Amino acid sequence: MVTPLTPRFGARLATSEADFAAARALRARVFHGDRGDRFDAICRHVLVEDSLDGSLVCCFRMLHLENGTEIGRSYSAQYYELSALSQFSGPMVEMGRFCVDPDRHDPDILRVAWAAMTAYVDARGVEMLFGCSSFTGTSARAYYDAFALLKDRHLAPKCWLPRVKAPSVFKFAARLRRKPDLRAAQAVMPPLLRTYLLMGGWVSDHAVIDDQMNTLHVFTGLEISAVPPARARLLRSLAGEGPVFHH
């Protein structure tokens, strides 16, 4: 049953093969034919559904790590050298394969997804969220203003900074010298990444060019302690009626 977080949309954990099939189908539409990988089996999967007809409008998966010593288990570790984060002492969650039905544009969908994540963070004492935030396509030029903005305002602290590991990357922090056009940057910034940044998130200094998924992506981290109190209260108010996550 979908528990409503807003009158229209609700979030729950996937529990059946039909749930997983629906998530894979949505991901295939968004991520260049993605049909799943070995990480699916070790993650929990969250579904956001339209309570009017039960249709799936958003999904993502979560990989729980007890602390940074397990960072090598993550999907992101395939593409980024993350040894700095191995020193992180608290529980971490990798948020992956986040996607929204491209035909649905209601901002409540994203709010409900983040409220569900908030419920999990609070239930499990998570201290950092991280993952790969994707830009559609593999050409960086269309996103120069967005990357320039990331360089100017949102690079990871040096103590956590991911290093280059993937064979094909765009080193935007080193290459771009432009002053970002803020309006142009916001127009092309992926909604998931925009939300991370509003909550105090940070990114790697380079983007990985992923031809298989037809994306450019940046490593994104969010220390829960950095989330502005007002935003945290709003998410917790939305999460109050959300899915129950057990230890």
C-alpha atoms as a PDB file:
ATOM      1  CA  MET A   1       0.000   0.000   0.000  1.00  0.00           C
ATOM      2  CA  VAL A   2       1.245   3.515  -0.799  1.00  0.00           C
ATOM      3  CA  THR A   3       1.425   5.750   2.235  1.00  0.00           C
ATOM      4  CA  PRO A   4       0.647   9.323   1.142  1.00  0.00           C
ATOM      5  CA  LEU A   5       3.286  11.966   1.837  1.00  0.00           C
ATOM      6  CA  THR A   6       1.311  14.482  -0.219  1.00  0.00           C
ATOM      7  CA  PRO A   7      -2.285  14.076  -1.443  1.00  0.00           C
ATOM      8  CA  ARG A   8      -1.028  12.814  -4.799  1.00  0.00           C
ATOM      9  CA  PHE A   9       2.198  10.817  -4.329  1.00  0.00           C
ATOM     10  CA  GLY A  10       3.514   8.252  -1.884  1.00  0.00           C
ATOM     11  CA  ALA A  11       6.743   6.339  -1.325  1.00  0.00           C
ATOM     12  CA  ARG A  12       7.416   2.765  -0.286  1.00  0.00           C
ATOM     13  CA  LEU A  13      10.089   0.099  -0.471  1.00  0.00           C
ATOM     14  CA  ALA A  14      10.040  -2.353  -3.377  1.00  0.00           C
ATOM     15  CA  THR A  15       9.056  -5.800  -2.137  1.00  0.00           C
ATOM     16  CA  SER A  16       8.132  -7.929  -5.150  1.00  0.00           C
ATOM     17  CA  GLU A  17       9.512  -8.922  -8.518  1.00  0.00           C
ATOM     18  CA  ALA A  18       6.791  -6.789 -10.112  1.00  0.00           C
ATOM     19  CA  ASP A  19       8.116  -3.794  -8.152  1.00  0.00           C
ATOM     20  CA  PHE A  20      11.670  -4.422  -9.335  1.00  0.00           C
ATOM     21  CA  ALA A  21      10.514  -4.912 -12.913  1.00  0.00           C
ATOM     22  CA  ALA A  22       8.680  -1.578 -12.837  1.00  0.00           C
ATOM     23  CA  ALA A  23      11.778   0.151 -11.484  1.00  0.00           C
ATOM     24  CA  ARG A  24      13.986  -1.416 -14.151  1.00  0.00           C
ATOM     25  CA  ALA A  25      11.542  -0.354 -16.867  1.00  0.00           C
ATOM     26  CA  LEU A  26      11.591   3.268 -15.681  1.00  0.00           C
ATOM     27  CA  ARG A  27      15.368   3.230 -15.402  1.00  0.00           C
ATOM     28  CA  ALA A  28      15.647   1.838 -18.928  1.00  0.00           C
ATOM     29  CA  ARG A  29      13.698   4.841 -20.226  1.00  0.00           C
ATOM     30  CA  VAL A  30      15.900   7.332 -18.412  1.00  0.00           C
ATOM     31  CA  PHE A  31      19.342   5.703 -18.461  1.00  0.00           C
ATOM     32  CA  HIS A  32      19.991   4.612 -22.025  1.00  0.00           C
ATOM     33  CA  GLY A  33      18.505   1.121 -21.734  1.00  0.00           C
ATOM     34  CA  ASP A  34      19.742   0.336 -18.206  1.00  0.00           C
ATOM     35  CA  ARG A  35      18.525  -3.125 -17.210  1.00  0.00           C
ATOM     36  CA  GLY A  36      20.171  -3.483 -13.836  1.00  0.00           C
ATOM     37  CA  ASP A  37      23.567  -4.469 -12.463  1.00  0.00           C
ATOM     38  CA  ARG A  38      25.156  -6.412  -9.622  1.00  0.00           C
ATOM     39  CA  PHE A  39      24.448  -3.589  -7.168  1.00  0.00           C
ATOM     40  CA  ASP A  40      20.682  -4.027  -7.474  1.00  0.00           C
ATOM     41  CA  ALA A  41      20.836  -7.199  -5.390  1.00  0.00           C
ATOM     42  CA  ILE A  42      22.543  -5.509  -2.422  1.00  0.00           C
ATOM     43  CA  CYS A  43      20.478  -2.309  -2.376  1.00  0.00           C
ATOM     44  CA  ARG A  44      17.085  -1.318  -1.049  1.00  0.00           C
ATOM     45  CA  HIS A  45      14.851   0.202  -3.707  1.00  0.00           C
ATOM     46  CA  VAL A  46      12.400   3.047  -3.094  1.00  0.00           C
ATOM     47  CA  LEU A  47       9.392   3.606  -5.347  1.00  0.00           C
ATOM     48  CA  VAL A  48       7.395   6.832  -5.595  1.00  0.00           C
ATOM     49  CA  GLU A  49       3.937   6.196  -7.011  1.00  0.00           C
ATOM     50  CA  ASP A  50       0.927   8.192  -8.120  1.00  0.00           C
ATOM     51  CA  SER A  51      -1.807   7.338  -5.637  1.00  0.00           C
ATOM     52  CA  LEU A  52      -4.498   8.001  -8.261  1.00  0.00           C
ATOM     53  CA  ASP A  53      -3.528   5.133 -10.544  1.00  0.00           C
ATOM     54  CA  GLY A  54      -0.585   3.381  -8.873  1.00  0.00           C
ATOM     55  CA  SER A  55       1.835   4.305 -11.655  1.00  0.00           C
ATOM     56  CA  LEU A  56       5.540   4.516 -10.856  1.00  0.00           C
ATOM     57  CA  VAL A  57       6.796   8.090 -11.227  1.00  0.00           C
ATOM     58  CA  CYS A  58      10.216   7.911  -9.553  1.00  0.00           C
ATOM     59  CA  CYS A  59      12.609   5.368  -8.111  1.00  0.00           C
ATOM     60  CA  PHE A  60      16.060   5.113  -6.585  1.00  0.00           C
ATOM     61  CA  ARG A  61      18.182   2.606  -4.719  1.00  0.00           C
ATOM     62  CA  MET A  62      20.116   2.840  -1.464  1.00  0.00           C
ATOM     63  CA  LEU A  63      23.320   1.079  -0.439  1.00  0.00           C
ATOM     64  CA  HIS A  64      23.999   1.328   3.297  1.00  0.00           C
ATOM     65  CA  LEU A  65      27.611   1.433   4.480  1.00  0.00           C
ATOM     66  CA  GLU A  66      28.537   1.305   8.156  1.00  0.00           C
ATOM     67  CA  ASN A  67      31.330   3.843   7.605  1.00  0.00           C
ATOM     68  CA  GLY A  68      33.910   4.956   5.075  1.00  0.00           C
ATOM     69  CA  THR A  69      35.967   1.779   5.338  1.00  0.00           C
ATOM     70  CA  GLU A  70      33.285   0.173   3.132  1.00  0.00           C
ATOM     71  CA  ILE A  71      33.403   2.868   0.429  1.00  0.00           C
ATOM     72  CA  GLY A  72      34.995   0.421  -2.000  1.00  0.00           C
ATOM     73  CA  ARG A  73      31.725  -1.546  -2.093  1.00  0.00           C
ATOM     74  CA  SER A  74      29.880   1.365  -3.670  1.00  0.00           C
ATOM     75  CA  TYR A  75      28.887   1.833  -7.287  1.00  0.00           C
ATOM     76  CA  SER A  76      30.649   5.196  -7.302  1.00  0.00           C
ATOM     77  CA  ALA A  77      33.971   3.609  -6.393  1.00  0.00           C
ATOM     78  CA  GLN A  78      34.108   2.093  -9.884  1.00  0.00           C
ATOM     79  CA  TYR A  79      34.498   5.601 -11.339  1.00  0.00           C
ATOM     80  CA  TYR A  80      36.117   7.726  -8.628  1.00  0.00           C
ATOM     81  CA  GLU A  81      39.167   7.224  -6.424  1.00  0.00           C
ATOM     82  CA  LEU A  82      37.528   7.593  -3.010  1.00  0.00           C
ATOM     83  CA  SER A  83      40.296   6.740  -0.552  1.00  0.00           C
ATOM     84  CA  ALA A  84      39.834  10.094   1.219  1.00  0.00           C
ATOM     85  CA  LEU A  85      36.288   9.108   2.161  1.00  0.00           C
ATOM     86  CA  SER A  86      37.521   5.857   3.710  1.00  0.00           C
ATOM     87  CA  GLN A  87      38.268   8.009   6.771  1.00  0.00           C
ATOM     88  CA  PHE A  88      34.615   8.991   7.232  1.00  0.00           C
ATOM     89  CA  SER A  89      33.589   7.560  10.591  1.00  0.00           C
ATOM     90  CA  GLY A  90      29.779   7.531  10.442  1.00  0.00           C
ATOM     91  CA  PRO A  91      27.106   5.568   8.564  1.00  0.00           C
ATOM     92  CA  MET A  92      26.806   6.436   4.868  1.00  0.00           C
ATOM     93  CA  VAL A  93      24.232   5.751   2.155  1.00  0.00           C
ATOM     94  CA  GLU A  94      24.866   5.736  -1.563  1.00  0.00           C
ATOM     95  CA  MET A  95      21.795   6.998  -3.407  1.00  0.00           C
ATOM     96  CA  GLY A  96      21.832   5.575  -6.919  1.00  0.00           C
ATOM     97  CA  ARG A  97      19.891   5.213 -10.163  1.00  0.00           C
ATOM     98  CA  PHE A  98      17.657   8.107  -9.164  1.00  0.00           C
ATOM     99  CA  CYS A  99      15.195   8.770 -11.949  1.00  0.00           C
ATOM    100  CA  VAL A 100      11.847  10.471 -12.535  1.00  0.00           C
ATOM    101  CA  ASP A 101       9.389   9.601 -15.284  1.00  0.00           C
ATOM    102  CA  PRO A 102      10.374  12.056 -18.042  1.00  0.00           C
ATOM    103  CA  ASP A 103       6.706  12.722 -18.787  1.00  0.00           C
ATOM    104  CA  ARG A 104       5.981  13.815 -15.214  1.00  0.00           C
ATOM    105  CA  HIS A 105       6.959  17.285 -14.007  1.00  0.00           C
ATOM    106  CA  ASP A 106       5.193  17.716 -10.660  1.00  0.00           C
ATOM    107  CA  PRO A 107       7.732  19.091  -8.140  1.00  0.00           C
ATOM    108  CA  ASP A 108       6.050  17.080  -5.389  1.00  0.00           C
ATOM    109  CA  ILE A 109       7.590  13.930  -6.879  1.00  0.00           C
ATOM    110  CA  LEU A 110      11.081  15.076  -5.970  1.00  0.00           C
ATOM    111  CA  ARG A 111       9.907  16.309  -2.570  1.00  0.00           C
ATOM    112  CA  VAL A 112       8.378  12.939  -1.748  1.00  0.00           C
ATOM    113  CA  ALA A 113      11.536  11.118  -2.843  1.00  0.00           C
ATOM    114  CA  TRP A 114      13.676  13.269  -0.574  1.00  0.00           C
ATOM    115  CA  ALA A 115      11.206  12.883   2.273  1.00  0.00           C
ATOM    116  CA  ALA A 116      11.519   9.105   1.952  1.00  0.00           C
ATOM    117  CA  MET A 117      15.291   9.402   2.060  1.00  0.00           C
ATOM    118  CA  THR A 118      14.993  11.664   5.109  1.00  0.00           C
ATOM    119  CA  ALA A 119      12.956   9.002   6.893  1.00  0.00           C
ATOM    120  CA  TYR A 120      15.714   6.471   6.217  1.00  0.00           C
ATOM    121  CA  VAL A 121      18.471   8.865   7.311  1.00  0.00           C
ATOM    122  CA  ASP A 122      16.704   9.536  10.599  1.00  0.00           C
ATOM    123  CA  ALA A 123      15.848   5.885  11.239  1.00  0.00           C
ATOM    124  CA  ARG A 124      19.401   4.672  10.670  1.00  0.00           C
ATOM    125  CA  GLY A 125      21.472   7.595  11.935  1.00  0.00           C
ATOM    126  CA  VAL A 126      23.038   8.192   8.518  1.00  0.00           C
ATOM    127  CA  GLU A 127      25.680  10.936   8.502  1.00  0.00           C
ATOM    128  CA  MET A 128      26.464  11.210   4.773  1.00  0.00           C
ATOM    129  CA  LEU A 129      24.611  10.703   1.509  1.00  0.00           C
ATOM    130  CA  PHE A 130      26.556  10.330  -1.697  1.00  0.00           C
ATOM    131  CA  GLY A 131      26.200   9.179  -5.284  1.00  0.00           C
ATOM    132  CA  CYS A 132      26.687  10.088  -8.922  1.00  0.00           C
ATOM    133  CA  SER A 133      24.597  13.001 -10.229  1.00  0.00           C
ATOM    134  CA  SER A 134      24.014  12.674 -13.967  1.00  0.00           C
ATOM    135  CA  PHE A 135      23.781  15.167 -16.825  1.00  0.00           C
ATOM    136  CA  THR A 136      22.072  13.806 -19.951  1.00  0.00           C
ATOM    137  CA  GLY A 137      24.438  13.067 -22.823  1.00  0.00           C
ATOM    138  CA  THR A 138      28.221  12.933 -22.942  1.00  0.00           C
ATOM    139  CA  SER A 139      29.056  16.360 -24.389  1.00  0.00           C
ATOM    140  CA  ALA A 140      30.220  18.771 -21.702  1.00  0.00           C
ATOM    141  CA  ARG A 141      29.889  21.935 -23.784  1.00  0.00           C
ATOM    142  CA  ALA A 142      26.143  22.332 -23.150  1.00  0.00           C
ATOM    143  CA  TYR A 143      26.841  22.346 -19.408  1.00  0.00           C
ATOM    144  CA  TYR A 144      29.806  24.730 -19.193  1.00  0.00           C
ATOM    145  CA  ASP A 145      27.900  27.261 -17.093  1.00  0.00           C
ATOM    146  CA  ALA A 146      26.703  24.560 -14.708  1.00  0.00           C
ATOM    147  CA  PHE A 147      30.216  23.161 -14.343  1.00  0.00           C
ATOM    148  CA  ALA A 148      31.627  26.663 -13.855  1.00  0.00           C
ATOM    149  CA  LEU A 149      29.113  27.227 -11.055  1.00  0.00           C
ATOM    150  CA  LEU A 150      30.073  23.917  -9.447  1.00  0.00           C
ATOM    151  CA  LYS A 151      33.732  24.957  -9.616  1.00  0.00           C
ATOM    152  CA  ASP A 152      33.084  28.369  -8.069  1.00  0.00           C
ATOM    153  CA  ARG A 153      30.748  27.374  -5.250  1.00  0.00           C
ATOM    154  CA  HIS A 154      30.368  23.659  -4.677  1.00  0.00           C
ATOM    155  CA  LEU A 155      33.638  21.717  -4.841  1.00  0.00           C
ATOM    156  CA  ALA A 156      34.213  19.045  -2.213  1.00  0.00           C
ATOM    157  CA  PRO A 157      36.274  19.888   0.865  1.00  0.00           C
ATOM    158  CA  LYS A 158      39.882  18.873   0.284  1.00  0.00           C
ATOM    159  CA  CYS A 159      39.635  16.251   3.021  1.00  0.00           C
ATOM    160  CA  TRP A 160      36.963  14.330   1.049  1.00  0.00           C
ATOM    161  CA  LEU A 161      37.850  15.265  -2.542  1.00  0.00           C
ATOM    162  CA  PRO A 162      37.453  12.342  -4.991  1.00  0.00           C
ATOM    163  CA  ARG A 163      40.386  11.793  -7.350  1.00  0.00           C
ATOM    164  CA  VAL A 164      40.357  10.711 -10.981  1.00  0.00           C
ATOM    165  CA  LYS A 165      39.934   6.998 -11.650  1.00  0.00           C
ATOM    166  CA  ALA A 166      37.791   6.661 -14.783  1.00  0.00           C
ATOM    167  CA  PRO A 167      39.584   6.595 -18.157  1.00  0.00           C
ATOM    168  CA  SER A 168      37.428   9.346 -19.678  1.00  0.00           C
ATOM    169  CA  VAL A 169      36.748  12.507 -17.654  1.00  0.00           C
ATOM    170  CA  PHE A 170      36.141  16.239 -18.064  1.00  0.00           C
ATOM    171  CA  LYS A 171      38.301  18.123 -15.550  1.00  0.00           C
ATOM    172  CA  PHE A 172      36.055  21.162 -15.286  1.00  0.00           C
ATOM    173  CA  ALA A 173      37.753  22.683 -12.234  1.00  0.00           C
ATOM    174  CA  ALA A 174      41.078  22.733 -14.052  1.00  0.00           C
ATOM    175  CA  ARG A 175      39.843  23.592 -17.538  1.00  0.00           C
ATOM    176  CA  LEU A 176      37.095  26.172 -17.135  1.00  0.00           C
ATOM    177  CA  ARG A 177      38.043  29.811 -16.645  1.00  0.00           C
ATOM    178  CA  ARG A 178      34.632  31.357 -17.324  1.00  0.00           C
ATOM    179  CA  LYS A 179      32.403  33.213 -14.905  1.00  0.00           C
ATOM    180  CA  PRO A 180      29.163  31.229 -14.774  1.00  0.00           C
ATOM    181  CA  ASP A 181      25.907  32.636 -16.075  1.00  0.00           C
ATOM    182  CA  LEU A 182      23.722  31.751 -13.095  1.00  0.00           C
ATOM    183  CA  ARG A 183      20.476  31.575 -15.048  1.00  0.00           C
ATOM    184  CA  ALA A 184      22.015  29.383 -17.736  1.00  0.00           C
ATOM    185  CA  ALA A 185      23.637  27.186 -15.103  1.00  0.00           C
ATOM    186  CA  GLN A 186      20.381  26.612 -13.220  1.00  0.00           C
ATOM    187  CA  ALA A 187      18.523  25.899 -16.457  1.00  0.00           C
ATOM    188  CA  VAL A 188      20.680  22.829 -17.166  1.00  0.00           C
ATOM    189  CA  MET A 189      21.498  21.696 -13.633  1.00  0.00           C
ATOM    190  CA  PRO A 190      19.912  18.259 -13.013  1.00  0.00           C
ATOM    191  CA  PRO A 191      17.083  18.499 -10.455  1.00  0.00           C
ATOM    192  CA  LEU A 192      18.652  15.873  -8.169  1.00  0.00           C
ATOM    193  CA  LEU A 193      21.963  17.709  -8.111  1.00  0.00           C
ATOM    194  CA  ARG A 194      20.232  21.050  -7.574  1.00  0.00           C
ATOM    195  CA  THR A 195      18.544  19.614  -4.489  1.00  0.00           C
ATOM    196  CA  TYR A 196      21.814  18.222  -3.143  1.00  0.00           C
ATOM    197  CA  LEU A 197      23.413  21.655  -3.521  1.00  0.00           C
ATOM    198  CA  LEU A 198      20.517  23.468  -1.839  1.00  0.00           C
ATOM    199  CA  MET A 199      21.032  21.216   1.166  1.00  0.00           C
ATOM    200  CA  GLY A 200      24.755  21.913   1.390  1.00  0.00           C
ATOM    201  CA  GLY A 201      26.097  19.207  -0.906  1.00  0.00           C
ATOM    202  CA  TRP A 202      29.383  19.260  -2.818  1.00  0.00           C
ATOM    203  CA  VAL A 203      30.846  17.637  -5.924  1.00  0.00           C
ATOM    204  CA  SER A 204      34.032  16.224  -7.406  1.00  0.00           C
ATOM    205  CA  ASP A 205      36.297  18.513  -9.429  1.00  0.00           C
ATOM    206  CA  HIS A 206      35.737  16.460 -12.585  1.00  0.00           C
ATOM    207  CA  ALA A 207      32.887  14.746 -14.422  1.00  0.00           C
ATOM    208  CA  VAL A 208      33.036  11.161 -15.631  1.00  0.00           C
ATOM    209  CA  ILE A 209      32.054  10.577 -19.263  1.00  0.00           C
ATOM    210  CA  ASP A 210      29.934   7.413 -19.197  1.00  0.00           C
ATOM    211  CA  ASP A 211      29.222   6.312 -22.760  1.00  0.00           C
ATOM    212  CA  GLN A 212      27.412   3.165 -21.631  1.00  0.00           C
ATOM    213  CA  MET A 213      24.783   5.167 -19.719  1.00  0.00           C
ATOM    214  CA  ASN A 214      24.954   8.151 -22.103  1.00  0.00           C
ATOM    215  CA  THR A 215      25.639  10.533 -19.227  1.00  0.00           C
ATOM    216  CA  LEU A 216      28.193  12.826 -17.688  1.00  0.00           C
ATOM    217  CA  HIS A 217      28.204  12.467 -13.930  1.00  0.00           C
ATOM    218  CA  VAL A 218      29.838  14.099 -10.939  1.00  0.00           C
ATOM    219  CA  PHE A 219      30.433  12.504  -7.562  1.00  0.00           C
ATOM    220  CA  THR A 220      28.119  14.223  -5.084  1.00  0.00           C
ATOM    221  CA  GLY A 221      28.307  14.183  -1.309  1.00  0.00           C
ATOM    222  CA  LEU A 222      26.096  15.608   1.416  1.00  0.00           C
ATOM    223  CA  GLU A 223      27.019  15.603   5.082  1.00  0.00           C
ATOM    224  CA  ILE A 224      23.734  15.494   6.972  1.00  0.00           C
ATOM    225  CA  SER A 225      25.044  17.972   9.548  1.00  0.00           C
ATOM    226  CA  ALA A 226      25.312  20.571   6.761  1.00  0.00           C
ATOM    227  CA  VAL A 227      21.603  20.508   5.853  1.00  0.00           C
ATOM    228  CA  PRO A 228      20.028  23.889   6.729  1.00  0.00           C
ATOM    229  CA  PRO A 229      17.692  23.477   9.736  1.00  0.00           C
ATOM    230  CA  ALA A 230      14.659  24.946   7.948  1.00  0.00           C
ATOM    231  CA  ARG A 231      15.023  22.542   5.044  1.00  0.00           C
ATOM    232  CA  ALA A 232      15.542  19.609   7.408  1.00  0.00           C
ATOM    233  CA  ARG A 233      12.320  20.511   9.252  1.00  0.00           C
ATOM    234  CA  LEU A 234      10.389  20.674   5.990  1.00  0.00           C
ATOM    235  CA  LEU A 235      11.644  17.266   4.850  1.00  0.00           C
ATOM    236  CA  ARG A 236      10.910  15.723   8.241  1.00  0.00           C
ATOM    237  CA  SER A 237       7.369  17.101   8.168  1.00  0.00           C
ATOM    238  CA  LEU A 238       6.841  15.449   4.773  1.00  0.00           C
ATOM    239  CA  ALA A 239       8.491  12.251   5.968  1.00  0.00           C
ATOM    240  CA  GLY A 240       6.263  11.917   9.010  1.00  0.00           C
ATOM    241  CA  GLU A 241       3.781   9.720   7.168  1.00  0.00           C
ATOM    242  CA  GLY A 242       6.356   8.002   4.970  1.00  0.00           C
ATOM    243  CA  PRO A 243       7.626   4.436   4.670  1.00  0.00           C
ATOM    244  CA  VAL A 244       8.912   2.675   7.767  1.00  0.00           C
ATOM    245  CA  PHE A 245      12.547   1.572   7.570  1.00  0.00           C
ATOM    246  CA  HIS A 246      13.709  -1.141   9.944  1.00  0.00           C
ATOM    247  CA  HIS A 247      17.227  -1.667  11.192  1.00  0.00           C
END
